[in-house]
Amino acid sequence: MRGIHSIIRAVAHIVAGILVIWILMDLLDANQGNTVVSWFHSAADWLAGWSRGLFTVSGHTLQVLLDYGIAAVVYVVVGNLIGRAAGRSRAPIR
């Protein structure tokens, strides 16, 4: 088994990946009526609910990058920090 620290980091990176995919879909004007696009939009809105609107800027591109990009970065940083702490806290099995 890879360990709890690897699982935590993997989940954080998957979450960040969902956000990055949504950023790309939005900026590339993906069809909002498509089921896959709709799923990524809903998931990204839920995952970045706390960071959307944190900053208000005039351009759509920069707004999307801030709304979802900040959340992606925070998830990776926090996931890696928690994963590192979880990896260090494990006592060796004897």
N, C-alpha and C. Protein backbone atom coordinates (compact mmCIF):
# COMPACT_ATOMS: atom_id res chain seq x y z
N MET A 1 0.84 -1.19 0.00
CA MET A 1 0.00 0.00 0.00
C MET A 1 0.88 1.24 0.00
N ARG A 2 0.47 2.24 -0.73
CA ARG A 2 1.29 3.43 -0.92
C ARG A 2 1.32 4.33 0.30
N GLY A 3 0.37 4.26 1.17
CA GLY A 3 0.38 5.08 2.36
C GLY A 3 -0.65 6.20 2.29
N ILE A 4 -1.09 6.59 3.47
CA ILE A 4 -2.12 7.63 3.57
C ILE A 4 -1.62 8.95 3.00
N HIS A 5 -0.34 9.25 3.16
CA HIS A 5 0.18 10.52 2.64
C HIS A 5 0.08 10.58 1.12
N SER A 6 0.29 9.47 0.46
CA SER A 6 0.17 9.43 -1.00
C SER A 6 -1.28 9.59 -1.44
N ILE A 7 -2.18 9.01 -0.68
CA ILE A 7 -3.61 9.12 -1.00
C ILE A 7 -4.08 10.56 -0.84
N ILE A 8 -3.66 11.21 0.23
CA ILE A 8 -4.05 12.60 0.47
C ILE A 8 -3.53 13.49 -0.66
N ARG A 9 -2.29 13.30 -1.03
CA ARG A 9 -1.71 14.10 -2.11
C ARG A 9 -2.42 13.82 -3.44
N ALA A 10 -2.74 12.57 -3.70
CA ALA A 10 -3.43 12.22 -4.95
C ALA A 10 -4.80 12.88 -5.02
N VAL A 11 -5.54 12.84 -3.93
CA VAL A 11 -6.87 13.47 -3.90
C VAL A 11 -6.75 14.97 -4.15
N ALA A 12 -5.78 15.62 -3.51
CA ALA A 12 -5.58 17.06 -3.70
C ALA A 12 -5.26 17.37 -5.16
N HIS A 13 -4.44 16.54 -5.79
CA HIS A 13 -4.08 16.77 -7.18
C HIS A 13 -5.25 16.50 -8.13
N ILE A 14 -6.07 15.52 -7.81
CA ILE A 14 -7.26 15.25 -8.62
C ILE A 14 -8.23 16.43 -8.54
N VAL A 15 -8.43 16.95 -7.34
CA VAL A 15 -9.31 18.11 -7.15
C VAL A 15 -8.78 19.29 -7.95
N ALA A 16 -7.48 19.55 -7.84
CA ALA A 16 -6.88 20.65 -8.59
C ALA A 16 -7.02 20.40 -10.10
N GLY A 17 -6.88 19.15 -10.52
CA GLY A 17 -7.03 18.82 -11.93
C GLY A 17 -8.43 19.13 -12.45
N ILE A 18 -9.44 18.83 -11.65
CA ILE A 18 -10.82 19.15 -12.03
C ILE A 18 -10.96 20.66 -12.23
N LEU A 19 -10.39 21.43 -11.32
CA LEU A 19 -10.47 22.89 -11.43
C LEU A 19 -9.73 23.40 -12.67
N VAL A 20 -8.57 22.85 -12.94
CA VAL A 20 -7.79 23.28 -14.11
C VAL A 20 -8.52 22.90 -15.40
N ILE A 21 -9.10 21.72 -15.44
CA ILE A 21 -9.86 21.32 -16.63
C ILE A 21 -11.03 22.27 -16.86
N TRP A 22 -11.72 22.64 -15.77
CA TRP A 22 -12.83 23.58 -15.93
C TRP A 22 -12.33 24.95 -16.42
N ILE A 23 -11.20 25.42 -15.88
CA ILE A 23 -10.64 26.70 -16.35
C ILE A 23 -10.42 26.63 -17.87
N LEU A 24 -9.80 25.56 -18.32
CA LEU A 24 -9.54 25.41 -19.76
C LEU A 24 -10.84 25.33 -20.55
N MET A 25 -11.81 24.58 -20.06
CA MET A 25 -13.09 24.46 -20.77
C MET A 25 -13.78 25.82 -20.87
N ASP A 26 -13.76 26.57 -19.78
CA ASP A 26 -14.42 27.87 -19.78
C ASP A 26 -13.70 28.84 -20.72
N LEU A 27 -12.39 28.90 -20.63
CA LEU A 27 -11.64 29.84 -21.45
C LEU A 27 -11.65 29.47 -22.94
N LEU A 28 -11.84 28.18 -23.23
CA LEU A 28 -11.92 27.73 -24.63
C LEU A 28 -13.37 27.67 -25.13
N ASP A 29 -14.30 28.22 -24.34
CA ASP A 29 -15.73 28.28 -24.70
C ASP A 29 -16.33 26.92 -25.00
N ALA A 30 -16.11 25.96 -24.13
CA ALA A 30 -16.69 24.63 -24.30
C ALA A 30 -18.22 24.73 -24.26
N ASN A 31 -18.88 23.83 -24.94
CA ASN A 31 -20.34 23.81 -25.02
C ASN A 31 -20.94 23.52 -23.65
N GLN A 32 -21.59 24.51 -23.07
CA GLN A 32 -22.19 24.38 -21.73
C GLN A 32 -23.33 23.37 -21.70
N GLY A 33 -23.89 23.04 -22.84
CA GLY A 33 -24.97 22.07 -22.91
C GLY A 33 -24.49 20.63 -22.87
N ASN A 34 -23.19 20.42 -23.05
CA ASN A 34 -22.62 19.08 -23.03
C ASN A 34 -22.60 18.55 -21.60
N THR A 35 -22.91 17.28 -21.43
CA THR A 35 -22.98 16.67 -20.10
C THR A 35 -21.64 16.70 -19.37
N VAL A 36 -20.57 16.40 -20.07
CA VAL A 36 -19.25 16.38 -19.44
C VAL A 36 -18.85 17.79 -19.01
N VAL A 37 -19.06 18.75 -19.87
CA VAL A 37 -18.75 20.15 -19.54
C VAL A 37 -19.58 20.60 -18.35
N SER A 38 -20.84 20.24 -18.35
CA SER A 38 -21.73 20.60 -17.25
C SER A 38 -21.26 19.98 -15.93
N TRP A 39 -20.79 18.74 -15.99
CA TRP A 39 -20.30 18.08 -14.77
C TRP A 39 -19.08 18.80 -14.22
N PHE A 40 -18.13 19.11 -15.10
CA PHE A 40 -16.93 19.82 -14.65
C PHE A 40 -17.28 21.19 -14.10
N HIS A 41 -18.24 21.87 -14.73
CA HIS A 41 -18.66 23.18 -14.24
C HIS A 41 -19.26 23.07 -12.84
N SER A 42 -20.14 22.12 -12.65
CA SER A 42 -20.77 21.93 -11.33
C SER A 42 -19.74 21.55 -10.27
N ALA A 43 -18.86 20.61 -10.62
CA ALA A 43 -17.84 20.18 -9.67
C ALA A 43 -16.90 21.33 -9.32
N ALA A 44 -16.47 22.09 -10.32
CA ALA A 44 -15.56 23.21 -10.07
C ALA A 44 -16.23 24.29 -9.24
N ASP A 45 -17.51 24.58 -9.53
CA ASP A 45 -18.23 25.57 -8.73
C ASP A 45 -18.31 25.14 -7.27
N TRP A 46 -18.57 23.86 -7.05
CA TRP A 46 -18.66 23.38 -5.67
C TRP A 46 -17.30 23.41 -4.98
N LEU A 47 -16.27 22.95 -5.67
CA LEU A 47 -14.93 22.89 -5.08
C LEU A 47 -14.34 24.28 -4.83
N ALA A 48 -14.69 25.24 -5.67
CA ALA A 48 -14.13 26.59 -5.54
C ALA A 48 -15.14 27.58 -4.99
N GLY A 49 -16.18 27.07 -4.38
CA GLY A 49 -17.21 27.96 -3.83
C GLY A 49 -16.66 28.97 -2.86
N TRP A 50 -15.67 28.61 -2.10
CA TRP A 50 -15.09 29.50 -1.10
C TRP A 50 -14.18 30.56 -1.71
N SER A 51 -13.67 30.33 -2.91
CA SER A 51 -12.72 31.27 -3.51
C SER A 51 -13.33 32.11 -4.64
N ARG A 52 -14.48 31.70 -5.15
CA ARG A 52 -15.10 32.48 -6.22
C ARG A 52 -15.54 33.83 -5.70
N GLY A 53 -15.16 34.87 -6.41
CA GLY A 53 -15.53 36.21 -6.00
C GLY A 53 -14.62 36.81 -4.94
N LEU A 54 -13.56 36.10 -4.59
CA LEU A 54 -12.61 36.62 -3.60
C LEU A 54 -12.02 37.93 -4.08
N PHE A 55 -11.71 38.00 -5.37
CA PHE A 55 -11.25 39.23 -6.01
C PHE A 55 -12.16 39.52 -7.19
N THR A 56 -12.39 40.79 -7.46
CA THR A 56 -13.22 41.17 -8.59
C THR A 56 -12.35 41.95 -9.57
N VAL A 57 -12.29 41.46 -10.78
CA VAL A 57 -11.53 42.11 -11.84
C VAL A 57 -12.43 42.29 -13.05
N SER A 58 -12.01 43.12 -13.99
CA SER A 58 -12.88 43.44 -15.11
C SER A 58 -12.87 42.39 -16.23
N GLY A 59 -11.77 41.72 -16.47
CA GLY A 59 -11.70 40.76 -17.56
C GLY A 59 -12.17 39.37 -17.18
N HIS A 60 -12.91 38.72 -18.09
CA HIS A 60 -13.44 37.38 -17.83
C HIS A 60 -12.31 36.37 -17.62
N THR A 61 -11.29 36.43 -18.46
CA THR A 61 -10.19 35.47 -18.36
C THR A 61 -9.52 35.54 -17.00
N LEU A 62 -9.17 36.74 -16.58
CA LEU A 62 -8.51 36.89 -15.28
C LEU A 62 -9.44 36.50 -14.14
N GLN A 63 -10.73 36.79 -14.27
CA GLN A 63 -11.69 36.44 -13.23
C GLN A 63 -11.77 34.92 -13.05
N VAL A 64 -11.83 34.20 -14.17
CA VAL A 64 -11.89 32.74 -14.12
C VAL A 64 -10.60 32.18 -13.51
N LEU A 65 -9.46 32.71 -13.93
CA LEU A 65 -8.18 32.26 -13.38
C LEU A 65 -8.10 32.49 -11.88
N LEU A 66 -8.57 33.63 -11.42
CA LEU A 66 -8.55 33.91 -9.98
C LEU A 66 -9.56 33.06 -9.23
N ASP A 67 -10.79 32.98 -9.74
CA ASP A 67 -11.86 32.25 -9.05
C ASP A 67 -11.50 30.78 -8.85
N TYR A 68 -11.00 30.13 -9.88
CA TYR A 68 -10.75 28.70 -9.80
C TYR A 68 -9.27 28.36 -9.61
N GLY A 69 -8.39 29.21 -10.10
CA GLY A 69 -6.96 28.97 -9.97
C GLY A 69 -6.46 29.06 -8.54
N ILE A 70 -6.97 30.04 -7.80
CA ILE A 70 -6.58 30.16 -6.39
C ILE A 70 -6.97 28.89 -5.64
N ALA A 71 -8.17 28.40 -5.88
CA ALA A 71 -8.63 27.18 -5.21
C ALA A 71 -7.73 26.00 -5.58
N ALA A 72 -7.36 25.88 -6.86
CA ALA A 72 -6.51 24.76 -7.29
C ALA A 72 -5.16 24.81 -6.59
N VAL A 73 -4.57 25.99 -6.53
CA VAL A 73 -3.27 26.13 -5.86
C VAL A 73 -3.38 25.80 -4.37
N VAL A 74 -4.42 26.29 -3.72
CA VAL A 74 -4.60 26.05 -2.29
C VAL A 74 -4.79 24.56 -2.02
N TYR A 75 -5.59 23.88 -2.84
CA TYR A 75 -5.80 22.45 -2.64
C TYR A 75 -4.49 21.67 -2.75
N VAL A 76 -3.66 22.01 -3.73
CA VAL A 76 -2.38 21.31 -3.91
C VAL A 76 -1.46 21.59 -2.73
N VAL A 77 -1.33 22.86 -2.35
CA VAL A 77 -0.43 23.21 -1.25
C VAL A 77 -0.88 22.57 0.05
N VAL A 78 -2.14 22.72 0.38
CA VAL A 78 -2.66 22.15 1.64
C VAL A 78 -2.61 20.63 1.60
N GLY A 79 -2.96 20.03 0.48
CA GLY A 79 -2.90 18.57 0.36
C GLY A 79 -1.50 18.04 0.53
N ASN A 80 -0.52 18.74 -0.05
CA ASN A 80 0.87 18.31 0.11
C ASN A 80 1.35 18.49 1.54
N LEU A 81 0.96 19.58 2.18
CA LEU A 81 1.36 19.80 3.57
C LEU A 81 0.75 18.75 4.50
N ILE A 82 -0.53 18.48 4.31
CA ILE A 82 -1.19 17.45 5.13
C ILE A 82 -0.60 16.08 4.82
N GLY A 83 -0.36 15.80 3.55
CA GLY A 83 0.23 14.52 3.16
C GLY A 83 1.61 14.33 3.76
N ARG A 84 2.40 15.40 3.76
CA ARG A 84 3.74 15.32 4.34
C ARG A 84 3.65 15.07 5.85
N ALA A 85 2.74 15.76 6.51
CA ALA A 85 2.57 15.59 7.96
C ALA A 85 2.08 14.18 8.26
N ALA A 86 1.19 13.65 7.45
CA ALA A 86 0.68 12.30 7.67
C ALA A 86 1.77 11.27 7.44
N GLY A 87 2.65 11.53 6.50
CA GLY A 87 3.77 10.62 6.22
C GLY A 87 4.78 10.60 7.34
N ARG A 88 4.98 11.73 7.99
CA ARG A 88 5.96 11.80 9.09
C ARG A 88 5.41 11.25 10.39
N SER A 89 4.10 11.32 10.56
CA SER A 89 3.53 10.91 11.85
C SER A 89 3.42 9.40 12.02
N ARG A 90 3.63 8.65 10.97
CA ARG A 90 3.50 7.20 11.05
C ARG A 90 4.73 6.61 11.75
N ALA A 91 4.49 5.86 12.77
CA ALA A 91 5.57 5.18 13.48
C ALA A 91 5.94 3.92 12.70
N PRO A 92 7.20 3.56 12.68
CA PRO A 92 7.59 2.35 11.97
C PRO A 92 6.99 1.11 12.63
N ILE A 93 6.62 0.16 11.79
CA ILE A 93 6.05 -1.11 12.30
C ILE A 93 7.21 -2.04 12.65
N ARG A 94 7.12 -2.62 13.82
CA ARG A 94 8.19 -3.53 14.28
C ARG A 94 7.70 -4.95 14.33
